[in-house]
Amino acid sequence: MHFPILKRAQEAYLSNVNKGIKTRNQYIEELWSGYAVGDDVSIKIDKVDRTNTDPKMLPSLVVEKRDDKKN
């Protein structure tokens, strides 16, 4: 009785989640493609991992790029 409604809700939820994952992956790919080996970058340090006197950003250098995607 309720199974068709639950099934539709599940499909809608999974569809929205998959759209969000796809959008995020495209954003990350575009962001990552803008950097090359040897570029200076800054990595944000989260509040929970630092004190008030620690820097908010960690200066870094791109030394290697690799594609770790698992298909």
Protein backbone atom coordinates (compact mmCIF):
# COMPACT_ATOMS: atom_id res chain seq x y z
CA MET A 1 0.00 0.00 0.00
CA HIS A 2 2.67 2.52 0.99
CA PHE A 3 5.40 0.84 -1.02
CA PRO A 4 4.79 2.74 -4.30
CA ILE A 5 4.99 6.06 -2.44
CA LEU A 6 8.15 5.00 -0.59
CA LYS A 7 9.70 3.75 -3.83
CA ARG A 8 8.97 7.08 -5.59
CA ALA A 9 10.37 9.04 -2.66
CA GLN A 10 13.52 6.91 -2.66
CA GLU A 11 14.01 7.39 -6.41
CA ALA A 12 13.53 11.17 -6.10
CA TYR A 13 15.99 11.35 -3.20
CA LEU A 14 18.63 9.31 -5.02
CA SER A 15 18.15 11.40 -8.16
CA ASN A 16 18.77 14.62 -6.21
CA VAL A 17 21.81 13.15 -4.49
CA ASN A 18 23.28 11.98 -7.80
CA LYS A 19 22.76 15.45 -9.33
CA GLY A 20 24.60 17.00 -6.39
CA ILE A 21 27.47 14.53 -6.69
CA LYS A 22 27.76 15.20 -10.43
CA THR A 23 27.77 18.98 -9.89
CA ARG A 24 30.41 18.70 -7.16
CA ASN A 25 32.63 16.45 -9.29
CA GLN A 26 32.44 18.91 -12.20
CA TYR A 27 33.36 21.79 -9.89
CA ILE A 28 36.33 19.88 -8.45
CA GLU A 29 37.50 18.88 -11.94
CA GLU A 30 37.36 22.50 -13.17
CA LEU A 31 39.12 23.72 -10.03
CA TRP A 32 41.84 21.07 -10.23
CA SER A 33 42.46 21.57 -13.96
CA GLY A 34 43.47 25.19 -13.22
CA TYR A 35 46.58 24.09 -11.32
CA ALA A 36 49.84 22.73 -12.64
CA VAL A 37 52.93 21.18 -11.09
CA GLY A 38 55.01 23.95 -9.57
CA ASP A 39 52.06 26.24 -8.73
CA ASP A 40 51.86 27.86 -5.30
CA VAL A 41 48.60 27.08 -3.51
CA SER A 42 47.13 27.62 -0.06
CA ILE A 43 45.33 24.91 1.90
CA LYS A 44 42.76 26.07 4.43
CA ILE A 45 43.28 24.71 7.96
CA ASP A 46 39.95 24.05 9.71
CA LYS A 47 39.18 25.78 13.02
CA VAL A 48 39.14 22.49 14.94
CA ASP A 49 42.72 21.77 13.86
CA ARG A 50 44.29 25.04 14.97
CA THR A 51 44.36 27.56 17.79
CA ASN A 52 43.77 31.32 17.54
CA THR A 53 47.48 31.94 17.05
CA ASP A 54 47.97 29.36 14.27
CA PRO A 55 47.75 30.47 10.64
CA LYS A 56 44.46 29.90 8.80
CA MET A 57 46.15 28.92 5.55
CA LEU A 58 49.04 26.54 4.85
CA PRO A 59 51.23 27.68 1.94
CA SER A 60 51.98 24.73 -0.32
CA LEU A 61 53.50 23.80 -3.66
CA VAL A 62 51.97 21.37 -6.18
CA VAL A 63 54.63 18.71 -6.69
CA GLU A 64 52.54 16.02 -8.39
CA LYS A 65 49.15 15.64 -10.05
CA ARG A 66 47.52 12.28 -10.45
CA ASP A 67 44.09 10.92 -11.23
CA ASP A 68 42.97 8.69 -8.35
CA LYS A 69 39.49 8.06 -9.73
CA LYS A 70 38.34 4.48 -9.35
CA ASN A 71 35.92 3.43 -12.11
